[in-house]
Amino acid sequence: MDKFLQDHPSKPRTQDEKQKVINRLKRIEGQVRGIQKMVEEDRYCVDILVQISAIQSALKNVGFSVTERHLNHCVSDAIRNGDGRETIEELMNVMKQFSK
């Protein structure tokens, strides 16, 4: 199966797609820095936990967005090309990790 792992999408991402993901990740990065500051300032634990929860949710949403694109392009292309079984297996393995 390792032979099938691709290091690039079957259809390159548009600049708009890239920018949307990058913007989301930059927001998350800012949230993480905010939590670091909250810890440094010895803020209330519950406030920190709420922010951690927000970051986890934001990361999951980025993951779902990337997964959706992968399904619509990489997986569907692989199915059309006869490599669907391997691609679906690869995605399922990643989804198992993602859901932990």
PDB file of N, CA and C in Angstrom:
ATOM      1  N   MET A   1       0.808  -1.193   0.000  1.00  0.00           N
ATOM      2  CA  MET A   1       0.000   0.000   0.000  1.00  0.00           C
ATOM      3  C   MET A   1       0.860   1.270   0.000  1.00  0.00           C
ATOM      4  N   ASP A   2       2.049   1.229   0.589  1.00  0.00           N
ATOM      5  CA  ASP A   2       2.887   2.417   0.639  1.00  0.00           C
ATOM      6  C   ASP A   2       3.180   2.981  -0.737  1.00  0.00           C
ATOM      7  N   LYS A   3       3.203   2.092  -1.749  1.00  0.00           N
ATOM      8  CA  LYS A   3       3.472   2.569  -3.101  1.00  0.00           C
ATOM      9  C   LYS A   3       2.404   3.555  -3.562  1.00  0.00           C
ATOM     10  N   PHE A   4       1.202   3.446  -2.986  1.00  0.00           N
ATOM     11  CA  PHE A   4       0.101   4.271  -3.438  1.00  0.00           C
ATOM     12  C   PHE A   4       0.087   5.650  -2.791  1.00  0.00           C
ATOM     13  N   LEU A   5       0.678   5.772  -1.623  1.00  0.00           N
ATOM     14  CA  LEU A   5       0.651   7.057  -0.931  1.00  0.00           C
ATOM     15  C   LEU A   5       1.234   8.141  -1.822  1.00  0.00           C
ATOM     16  N   GLN A   6       0.471   9.183  -2.022  1.00  0.00           N
ATOM     17  CA  GLN A   6       0.886  10.268  -2.897  1.00  0.00           C
ATOM     18  C   GLN A   6       1.390  11.430  -2.070  1.00  0.00           C
ATOM     19  N   ASP A   7       2.325  12.157  -2.639  1.00  0.00           N
ATOM     20  CA  ASP A   7       2.811  13.331  -1.928  1.00  0.00           C
ATOM     21  C   ASP A   7       2.196  14.608  -2.506  1.00  0.00           C
ATOM     22  N   HIS A   8       1.234  14.454  -3.414  1.00  0.00           N
ATOM     23  CA  HIS A   8       0.557  15.604  -3.988  1.00  0.00           C
ATOM     24  C   HIS A   8      -0.849  15.212  -4.424  1.00  0.00           C
ATOM     25  N   PRO A   9      -1.762  16.180  -4.463  1.00  0.00           N
ATOM     26  CA  PRO A   9      -3.124  15.868  -4.875  1.00  0.00           C
ATOM     27  C   PRO A   9      -3.201  15.551  -6.361  1.00  0.00           C
ATOM     28  N   SER A  10      -4.214  14.779  -6.751  1.00  0.00           N
ATOM     29  CA  SER A  10      -4.382  14.459  -8.162  1.00  0.00           C
ATOM     30  C   SER A  10      -4.753  15.708  -8.956  1.00  0.00           C
ATOM     31  N   LYS A  11      -5.393  16.647  -8.301  1.00  0.00           N
ATOM     32  CA  LYS A  11      -5.715  17.945  -8.914  1.00  0.00           C
ATOM     33  C   LYS A  11      -5.164  19.013  -7.985  1.00  0.00           C
ATOM     34  N   PRO A  12      -4.171  19.767  -8.420  1.00  0.00           N
ATOM     35  CA  PRO A  12      -3.586  20.773  -7.520  1.00  0.00           C
ATOM     36  C   PRO A  12      -4.642  21.722  -6.954  1.00  0.00           C
ATOM     37  N   ARG A  13      -4.425  22.125  -5.710  1.00  0.00           N
ATOM     38  CA  ARG A  13      -5.341  23.058  -5.057  1.00  0.00           C
ATOM     39  C   ARG A  13      -5.247  24.416  -5.747  1.00  0.00           C
ATOM     40  N   THR A  14      -6.382  25.083  -5.816  1.00  0.00           N
ATOM     41  CA  THR A  14      -6.361  26.443  -6.360  1.00  0.00           C
ATOM     42  C   THR A  14      -5.731  27.367  -5.323  1.00  0.00           C
ATOM     43  N   GLN A  15      -5.325  28.524  -5.760  1.00  0.00           N
ATOM     44  CA  GLN A  15      -4.749  29.497  -4.828  1.00  0.00           C
ATOM     45  C   GLN A  15      -5.777  29.868  -3.760  1.00  0.00           C
ATOM     46  N   ASP A  16      -7.052  29.971  -4.163  1.00  0.00           N
ATOM     47  CA  ASP A  16      -8.119  30.291  -3.212  1.00  0.00           C
ATOM     48  C   ASP A  16      -8.271  29.196  -2.161  1.00  0.00           C
ATOM     49  N   GLU A  17      -8.239  27.924  -2.599  1.00  0.00           N
ATOM     50  CA  GLU A  17      -8.345  26.804  -1.651  1.00  0.00           C
ATOM     51  C   GLU A  17      -7.184  26.837  -0.665  1.00  0.00           C
ATOM     52  N   LYS A  18      -5.992  27.038  -1.169  1.00  0.00           N
ATOM     53  CA  LYS A  18      -4.816  27.106  -0.292  1.00  0.00           C
ATOM     54  C   LYS A  18      -4.960  28.234   0.710  1.00  0.00           C
ATOM     55  N   GLN A  19      -5.370  29.405   0.218  1.00  0.00           N
ATOM     56  CA  GLN A  19      -5.441  30.571   1.085  1.00  0.00           C
ATOM     57  C   GLN A  19      -6.469  30.395   2.191  1.00  0.00           C
ATOM     58  N   LYS A  20      -7.598  29.769   1.885  1.00  0.00           N
ATOM     59  CA  LYS A  20      -8.624  29.541   2.911  1.00  0.00           C
ATOM     60  C   LYS A  20      -8.100  28.644   4.028  1.00  0.00           C
ATOM     61  N   VAL A  21      -7.402  27.576   3.659  1.00  0.00           N
ATOM     62  CA  VAL A  21      -6.852  26.677   4.684  1.00  0.00           C
ATOM     63  C   VAL A  21      -5.763  27.382   5.477  1.00  0.00           C
ATOM     64  N   ILE A  22      -4.890  28.088   4.786  1.00  0.00           N
ATOM     65  CA  ILE A  22      -3.811  28.810   5.465  1.00  0.00           C
ATOM     66  C   ILE A  22      -4.380  29.848   6.434  1.00  0.00           C
ATOM     67  N   ASN A  23      -5.407  30.575   6.002  1.00  0.00           N
ATOM     68  CA  ASN A  23      -6.024  31.577   6.898  1.00  0.00           C
ATOM     69  C   ASN A  23      -6.602  30.928   8.142  1.00  0.00           C
ATOM     70  N   ARG A  24      -7.269  29.786   7.969  1.00  0.00           N
ATOM     71  CA  ARG A  24      -7.818  29.076   9.131  1.00  0.00           C
ATOM     72  C   ARG A  24      -6.705  28.645  10.070  1.00  0.00           C
ATOM     73  N   LEU A  25      -5.631  28.107   9.499  1.00  0.00           N
ATOM     74  CA  LEU A  25      -4.516  27.642  10.331  1.00  0.00           C
ATOM     75  C   LEU A  25      -3.830  28.802  11.046  1.00  0.00           C
ATOM     76  N   LYS A  26      -3.734  29.937  10.406  1.00  0.00           N
ATOM     77  CA  LYS A  26      -3.142  31.112  11.058  1.00  0.00           C
ATOM     78  C   LYS A  26      -4.008  31.576  12.225  1.00  0.00           C
ATOM     79  N   ARG A  27      -5.352  31.508  12.051  1.00  0.00           N
ATOM     80  CA  ARG A  27      -6.236  31.856  13.162  1.00  0.00           C
ATOM     81  C   ARG A  27      -6.030  30.907  14.326  1.00  0.00           C
ATOM     82  N   ILE A  28      -5.909  29.628  14.012  1.00  0.00           N
ATOM     83  CA  ILE A  28      -5.683  28.622  15.062  1.00  0.00           C
ATOM     84  C   ILE A  28      -4.348  28.882  15.745  1.00  0.00           C
ATOM     85  N   GLU A  29      -3.344  29.207  14.955  1.00  0.00           N
ATOM     86  CA  GLU A  29      -2.027  29.522  15.520  1.00  0.00           C
ATOM     87  C   GLU A  29      -2.140  30.693  16.500  1.00  0.00           C
ATOM     88  N   GLY A  30      -2.909  31.691  16.140  1.00  0.00           N
ATOM     89  CA  GLY A  30      -3.124  32.838  17.030  1.00  0.00           C
ATOM     90  C   GLY A  30      -3.839  32.429  18.303  1.00  0.00           C
ATOM     91  N   GLN A  31      -4.806  31.508  18.165  1.00  0.00           N
ATOM     92  CA  GLN A  31      -5.514  31.017  19.348  1.00  0.00           C
ATOM     93  C   GLN A  31      -4.559  30.271  20.276  1.00  0.00           C
ATOM     94  N   VAL A  32      -3.646  29.483  19.705  1.00  0.00           N
ATOM     95  CA  VAL A  32      -2.684  28.745  20.529  1.00  0.00           C
ATOM     96  C   VAL A  32      -1.781  29.730  21.263  1.00  0.00           C
ATOM     97  N   ARG A  33      -1.330  30.762  20.570  1.00  0.00           N
ATOM     98  CA  ARG A  33      -0.510  31.776  21.236  1.00  0.00           C
ATOM     99  C   ARG A  33      -1.304  32.455  22.355  1.00  0.00           C
ATOM    100  N   GLY A  34      -2.600  32.646  22.110  1.00  0.00           N
ATOM    101  CA  GLY A  34      -3.455  33.242  23.142  1.00  0.00           C
ATOM    102  C   GLY A  34      -3.528  32.373  24.384  1.00  0.00           C
ATOM    103  N   ILE A  35      -3.608  31.070  24.190  1.00  0.00           N
ATOM    104  CA  ILE A  35      -3.633  30.156  25.337  1.00  0.00           C
ATOM    105  C   ILE A  35      -2.303  30.199  26.078  1.00  0.00           C
ATOM    106  N   GLN A  36      -1.213  30.255  25.340  1.00  0.00           N
ATOM    107  CA  GLN A  36       0.096  30.359  25.992  1.00  0.00           C
ATOM    108  C   GLN A  36       0.140  31.591  26.891  1.00  0.00           C
ATOM    109  N   LYS A  37      -0.378  32.695  26.377  1.00  0.00           N
ATOM    110  CA  LYS A  37      -0.395  33.938  27.159  1.00  0.00           C
ATOM    111  C   LYS A  37      -1.303  33.785  28.380  1.00  0.00           C
ATOM    112  N   MET A  38      -2.438  33.116  28.195  1.00  0.00           N
ATOM    113  CA  MET A  38      -3.352  32.888  29.319  1.00  0.00           C
ATOM    114  C   MET A  38      -2.663  32.090  30.418  1.00  0.00           C
ATOM    115  N   VAL A  39      -1.891  31.085  30.039  1.00  0.00           N
ATOM    116  CA  VAL A  39      -1.172  30.282  31.034  1.00  0.00           C
ATOM    117  C   VAL A  39      -0.123  31.146  31.722  1.00  0.00           C
ATOM    118  N   GLU A  40       0.623  31.924  30.936  1.00  0.00           N
ATOM    119  CA  GLU A  40       1.643  32.806  31.513  1.00  0.00           C
ATOM    120  C   GLU A  40       1.027  33.784  32.509  1.00  0.00           C
ATOM    121  N   GLU A  41      -0.186  34.242  32.202  1.00  0.00           N
ATOM    122  CA  GLU A  41      -0.868  35.206  33.069  1.00  0.00           C
ATOM    123  C   GLU A  41      -1.642  34.527  34.191  1.00  0.00           C
ATOM    124  N   ASP A  42      -1.529  33.197  34.274  1.00  0.00           N
ATOM    125  CA  ASP A  42      -2.185  32.418  35.310  1.00  0.00           C
ATOM    126  C   ASP A  42      -3.699  32.646  35.332  1.00  0.00           C
ATOM    127  N   ARG A  43      -4.289  32.610  34.117  1.00  0.00           N
ATOM    128  CA  ARG A  43      -5.730  32.809  33.972  1.00  0.00           C
ATOM    129  C   ARG A  43      -6.500  31.601  34.490  1.00  0.00           C
ATOM    130  N   TYR A  44      -7.762  31.784  34.692  1.00  0.00           N
ATOM    131  CA  TYR A  44      -8.670  30.776  35.217  1.00  0.00           C
ATOM    132  C   TYR A  44      -8.676  29.540  34.306  1.00  0.00           C
ATOM    133  N   CYS A  45      -8.530  28.371  34.927  1.00  0.00           N
ATOM    134  CA  CYS A  45      -8.418  27.108  34.180  1.00  0.00           C
ATOM    135  C   CYS A  45      -9.581  26.878  33.219  1.00  0.00           C
ATOM    136  N   VAL A  46     -10.779  27.179  33.650  1.00  0.00           N
ATOM    137  CA  VAL A  46     -11.954  26.937  32.804  1.00  0.00           C
ATOM    138  C   VAL A  46     -11.879  27.789  31.533  1.00  0.00           C
ATOM    139  N   ASP A  47     -11.406  29.021  31.662  1.00  0.00           N
ATOM    140  CA  ASP A  47     -11.251  29.872  30.480  1.00  0.00           C
ATOM    141  C   ASP A  47     -10.247  29.267  29.494  1.00  0.00           C
ATOM    142  N   ILE A  48      -9.182  28.719  30.030  1.00  0.00           N
ATOM    143  CA  ILE A  48      -8.171  28.067  29.187  1.00  0.00           C
ATOM    144  C   ILE A  48      -8.769  26.838  28.515  1.00  0.00           C
ATOM    145  N   LEU A  49      -9.511  26.055  29.266  1.00  0.00           N
ATOM    146  CA  LEU A  49     -10.130  24.849  28.711  1.00  0.00           C
ATOM    147  C   LEU A  49     -11.125  25.180  27.601  1.00  0.00           C
ATOM    148  N   VAL A  50     -11.864  26.260  27.768  1.00  0.00           N
ATOM    149  CA  VAL A  50     -12.811  26.680  26.730  1.00  0.00           C
ATOM    150  C   VAL A  50     -12.047  27.016  25.444  1.00  0.00           C
ATOM    151  N   GLN A  51     -10.922  27.688  25.578  1.00  0.00           N
ATOM    152  CA  GLN A  51     -10.124  28.035  24.402  1.00  0.00           C
ATOM    153  C   GLN A  51      -9.508  26.795  23.749  1.00  0.00           C
ATOM    154  N   ILE A  52      -9.080  25.843  24.562  1.00  0.00           N
ATOM    155  CA  ILE A  52      -8.548  24.588  24.025  1.00  0.00           C
ATOM    156  C   ILE A  52      -9.630  23.871  23.231  1.00  0.00           C
ATOM    157  N   SER A  53     -10.832  23.850  23.757  1.00  0.00           N
ATOM    158  CA  SER A  53     -11.953  23.219  23.062  1.00  0.00           C
ATOM    159  C   SER A  53     -12.223  23.902  21.718  1.00  0.00           C
ATOM    160  N   ALA A  54     -12.144  25.214  21.705  1.00  0.00           N
ATOM    161  CA  ALA A  54     -12.370  25.965  20.465  1.00  0.00           C
ATOM    162  C   ALA A  54     -11.307  25.617  19.418  1.00  0.00           C
ATOM    163  N   ILE A  55     -10.072  25.460  19.861  1.00  0.00           N
ATOM    164  CA  ILE A  55      -8.987  25.107  18.941  1.00  0.00           C
ATOM    165  C   ILE A  55      -9.185  23.698  18.397  1.00  0.00           C
ATOM    166  N   GLN A  56      -9.558  22.777  19.263  1.00  0.00           N
ATOM    167  CA  GLN A  56      -9.810  21.407  18.808  1.00  0.00           C
ATOM    168  C   GLN A  56     -10.906  21.386  17.752  1.00  0.00           C
ATOM    169  N   SER A  57     -11.950  22.134  17.982  1.00  0.00           N
ATOM    170  CA  SER A  57     -13.054  22.211  17.028  1.00  0.00           C
ATOM    171  C   SER A  57     -12.585  22.827  15.704  1.00  0.00           C
ATOM    172  N   ALA A  58     -11.810  23.879  15.788  1.00  0.00           N
ATOM    173  CA  ALA A  58     -11.305  24.535  14.582  1.00  0.00           C
ATOM    174  C   ALA A  58     -10.407  23.593  13.780  1.00  0.00           C
ATOM    175  N   LEU A  59      -9.543  22.845  14.462  1.00  0.00           N
ATOM    176  CA  LEU A  59      -8.673  21.889  13.767  1.00  0.00           C
ATOM    177  C   LEU A  59      -9.487  20.772  13.114  1.00  0.00           C
ATOM    178  N   LYS A  60     -10.504  20.304  13.811  1.00  0.00           N
ATOM    179  CA  LYS A  60     -11.369  19.278  13.213  1.00  0.00           C
ATOM    180  C   LYS A  60     -12.034  19.809  11.952  1.00  0.00           C
ATOM    181  N   ASN A  61     -12.485  21.052  11.997  1.00  0.00           N
ATOM    182  CA  ASN A  61     -13.128  21.634  10.819  1.00  0.00           C
ATOM    183  C   ASN A  61     -12.164  21.770   9.654  1.00  0.00           C
ATOM    184  N   VAL A  62     -10.923  22.132   9.920  1.00  0.00           N
ATOM    185  CA  VAL A  62      -9.916  22.173   8.856  1.00  0.00           C
ATOM    186  C   VAL A  62      -9.720  20.762   8.306  1.00  0.00           C
ATOM    187  N   GLY A  63      -9.644  19.787   9.191  1.00  0.00           N
ATOM    188  CA  GLY A  63      -9.487  18.404   8.764  1.00  0.00           C
ATOM    189  C   GLY A  63     -10.649  17.931   7.908  1.00  0.00           C
ATOM    190  N   PHE A  64     -11.868  18.293   8.285  1.00  0.00           N
ATOM    191  CA  PHE A  64     -13.036  17.918   7.491  1.00  0.00           C
ATOM    192  C   PHE A  64     -12.988  18.580   6.118  1.00  0.00           C
ATOM    193  N   SER A  65     -12.550  19.812   6.081  1.00  0.00           N
ATOM    194  CA  SER A  65     -12.441  20.525   4.806  1.00  0.00           C
ATOM    195  C   SER A  65     -11.424  19.844   3.887  1.00  0.00           C
ATOM    196  N   VAL A  66     -10.276  19.493   4.430  1.00  0.00           N
ATOM    197  CA  VAL A  66      -9.247  18.809   3.642  1.00  0.00           C
ATOM    198  C   VAL A  66      -9.752  17.433   3.208  1.00  0.00           C
ATOM    199  N   THR A  67     -10.457  16.750   4.098  1.00  0.00           N
ATOM    200  CA  THR A  67     -11.016  15.435   3.771  1.00  0.00           C
ATOM    201  C   THR A  67     -12.036  15.544   2.642  1.00  0.00           C
ATOM    202  N   GLU A  68     -12.885  16.545   2.714  1.00  0.00           N
ATOM    203  CA  GLU A  68     -13.892  16.734   1.669  1.00  0.00           C
ATOM    204  C   GLU A  68     -13.233  16.943   0.308  1.00  0.00           C
ATOM    205  N   ARG A  69     -12.204  17.771   0.284  1.00  0.00           N
ATOM    206  CA  ARG A  69     -11.503  18.000  -0.970  1.00  0.00           C
ATOM    207  C   ARG A  69     -10.855  16.713  -1.465  1.00  0.00           C
ATOM    208  N   HIS A  70     -10.257  15.970  -0.545  1.00  0.00           N
ATOM    209  CA  HIS A  70      -9.607  14.709  -0.902  1.00  0.00           C
ATOM    210  C   HIS A  70     -10.619  13.742  -1.525  1.00  0.00           C
ATOM    211  N   LEU A  71     -11.787  13.656  -0.928  1.00  0.00           N
ATOM    212  CA  LEU A  71     -12.833  12.783  -1.473  1.00  0.00           C
ATOM    213  C   LEU A  71     -13.284  13.239  -2.861  1.00  0.00           C
ATOM    214  N   ASN A  72     -13.500  14.528  -3.012  1.00  0.00           N
ATOM    215  CA  ASN A  72     -14.011  15.058  -4.278  1.00  0.00           C
ATOM    216  C   ASN A  72     -13.006  15.002  -5.421  1.00  0.00           C
ATOM    217  N   HIS A  73     -11.730  14.967  -5.099  1.00  0.00           N
ATOM    218  CA  HIS A  73     -10.720  14.970  -6.156  1.00  0.00           C
ATOM    219  C   HIS A  73      -9.898  13.685  -6.169  1.00  0.00           C
ATOM    220  N   CYS A  74      -9.081  13.507  -5.155  1.00  0.00           N
ATOM    221  CA  CYS A  74      -8.132  12.384  -5.137  1.00  0.00           C
ATOM    222  C   CYS A  74      -8.832  11.029  -5.140  1.00  0.00           C
ATOM    223  N   VAL A  75      -9.803  10.855  -4.250  1.00  0.00           N
ATOM    224  CA  VAL A  75     -10.477   9.554  -4.148  1.00  0.00           C
ATOM    225  C   VAL A  75     -11.314   9.289  -5.396  1.00  0.00           C
ATOM    226  N   SER A  76     -12.095  10.273  -5.807  1.00  0.00           N
ATOM    227  CA  SER A  76     -12.932  10.045  -6.992  1.00  0.00           C
ATOM    228  C   SER A  76     -12.083   9.799  -8.235  1.00  0.00           C
ATOM    229  N   ASP A  77     -10.956  10.505  -8.376  1.00  0.00           N
ATOM    230  CA  ASP A  77     -10.045  10.256  -9.508  1.00  0.00           C
ATOM    231  C   ASP A  77      -9.473   8.851  -9.438  1.00  0.00           C
ATOM    232  N   ALA A  78      -9.075   8.417  -8.254  1.00  0.00           N
ATOM    233  CA  ALA A  78      -8.500   7.080  -8.088  1.00  0.00           C
ATOM    234  C   ALA A  78      -9.529   6.002  -8.435  1.00  0.00           C
ATOM    235  N   ILE A  79     -10.775   6.218  -8.032  1.00  0.00           N
ATOM    236  CA  ILE A  79     -11.831   5.251  -8.356  1.00  0.00           C
ATOM    237  C   ILE A  79     -11.995   5.167  -9.868  1.00  0.00           C
ATOM    238  N   ARG A  80     -12.040   6.312 -10.532  1.00  0.00           N
ATOM    239  CA  ARG A  80     -12.159   6.321 -12.001  1.00  0.00           C
ATOM    240  C   ARG A  80     -10.985   5.628 -12.677  1.00  0.00           C
ATOM    241  N   ASN A  81      -9.804   5.717 -12.051  1.00  0.00           N
ATOM    242  CA  ASN A  81      -8.593   5.127 -12.633  1.00  0.00           C
ATOM    243  C   ASN A  81      -8.363   3.683 -12.201  1.00  0.00           C
ATOM    244  N   GLY A  82      -9.282   3.122 -11.415  1.00  0.00           N
ATOM    245  CA  GLY A  82      -9.159   1.735 -10.995  1.00  0.00           C
ATOM    246  C   GLY A  82      -8.352   1.518  -9.730  1.00  0.00           C
ATOM    247  N   ASP A  83      -7.981   2.577  -9.035  1.00  0.00           N
ATOM    248  CA  ASP A  83      -7.201   2.471  -7.801  1.00  0.00           C
ATOM    249  C   ASP A  83      -8.044   2.797  -6.572  1.00  0.00           C
ATOM    250  N   GLY A  84      -9.346   2.668  -6.689  1.00  0.00           N
ATOM    251  CA  GLY A  84     -10.237   3.071  -5.610  1.00  0.00           C
ATOM    252  C   GLY A  84     -10.052   2.305  -4.326  1.00  0.00           C
ATOM    253  N   ARG A  85      -9.857   1.004  -4.432  1.00  0.00           N
ATOM    254  CA  ARG A  85      -9.739   0.181  -3.224  1.00  0.00           C
ATOM    255  C   ARG A  85      -8.582   0.659  -2.343  1.00  0.00           C
ATOM    256  N   GLU A  86      -7.422   0.888  -2.937  1.00  0.00           N
ATOM    257  CA  GLU A  86      -6.248   1.330  -2.175  1.00  0.00           C
ATOM    258  C   GLU A  86      -6.462   2.723  -1.588  1.00  0.00           C
ATOM    259  N   THR A  87      -7.062   3.596  -2.380  1.00  0.00           N
ATOM    260  CA  THR A  87      -7.282   4.965  -1.925  1.00  0.00           C
ATOM    261  C   THR A  87      -8.272   5.013  -0.773  1.00  0.00           C
ATOM    262  N   ILE A  88      -9.325   4.234  -0.869  1.00  0.00           N
ATOM    263  CA  ILE A  88     -10.315   4.187   0.206  1.00  0.00           C
ATOM    264  C   ILE A  88      -9.693   3.598   1.469  1.00  0.00           C
ATOM    265  N   GLU A  89      -8.891   2.565   1.313  1.00  0.00           N
ATOM    266  CA  GLU A  89      -8.212   1.969   2.472  1.00  0.00           C
ATOM    267  C   GLU A  89      -7.285   2.985   3.132  1.00  0.00           C
ATOM    268  N   GLU A  90      -6.542   3.706   2.316  1.00  0.00           N
ATOM    269  CA  GLU A  90      -5.650   4.743   2.832  1.00  0.00           C
ATOM    270  C   GLU A  90      -6.441   5.800   3.607  1.00  0.00           C
ATOM    271  N   LEU A  91      -7.550   6.259   3.023  1.00  0.00           N
ATOM    272  CA  LEU A  91      -8.364   7.273   3.678  1.00  0.00           C
ATOM    273  C   LEU A  91      -8.970   6.750   4.984  1.00  0.00           C
ATOM    274  N   MET A  92      -9.434   5.522   4.974  1.00  0.00           N
ATOM    275  CA  MET A  92     -10.012   4.950   6.185  1.00  0.00           C
ATOM    276  C   MET A  92      -8.976   4.865   7.303  1.00  0.00           C
ATOM    277  N   ASN A  93      -7.748   4.511   6.985  1.00  0.00           N
ATOM    278  CA  ASN A  93      -6.691   4.468   7.998  1.00  0.00           C
ATOM    279  C   ASN A  93      -6.441   5.855   8.587  1.00  0.00           C
ATOM    280  N   VAL A  94      -6.438   6.853   7.737  1.00  0.00           N
ATOM    281  CA  VAL A  94      -6.232   8.222   8.215  1.00  0.00           C
ATOM    282  C   VAL A  94      -7.432   8.671   9.055  1.00  0.00           C
ATOM    283  N   MET A  95      -8.647   8.329   8.625  1.00  0.00           N
ATOM    284  CA  MET A  95      -9.838   8.723   9.374  1.00  0.00           C
ATOM    285  C   MET A  95      -9.862   8.080  10.761  1.00  0.00           C
ATOM    286  N   LYS A  96      -9.344   6.865  10.867  1.00  0.00           N
ATOM    287  CA  LYS A  96      -9.263   6.230  12.187  1.00  0.00           C
ATOM    288  C   LYS A  96      -8.344   7.032  13.105  1.00  0.00           C
ATOM    289  N   GLN A  97      -7.230   7.507  12.572  1.00  0.00           N
ATOM    290  CA  GLN A  97      -6.322   8.337  13.363  1.00  0.00           C
ATOM    291  C   GLN A  97      -6.990   9.673  13.701  1.00  0.00           C
ATOM    292  N   PHE A  98      -7.677  10.231  12.732  1.00  0.00           N
ATOM    293  CA  PHE A  98      -8.331  11.531  12.876  1.00  0.00           C
ATOM    294  C   PHE A  98      -9.393  11.502  13.955  1.00  0.00           C
ATOM    295  N   SER A  99     -10.058  10.377  14.116  1.00  0.00           N
ATOM    296  CA  SER A  99     -11.170  10.308  15.062  1.00  0.00           C
ATOM    297  C   SER A  99     -10.749   9.966  16.486  1.00  0.00           C
ATOM    298  N   LYS A 100      -9.476   9.761  16.729  1.00  0.00           N
ATOM    299  CA  LYS A 100      -9.022   9.425  18.084  1.00  0.00           C
ATOM    300  C   LYS A 100      -9.112  10.611  19.002  1.00  0.00           C
TER     301      LYS A 100
END
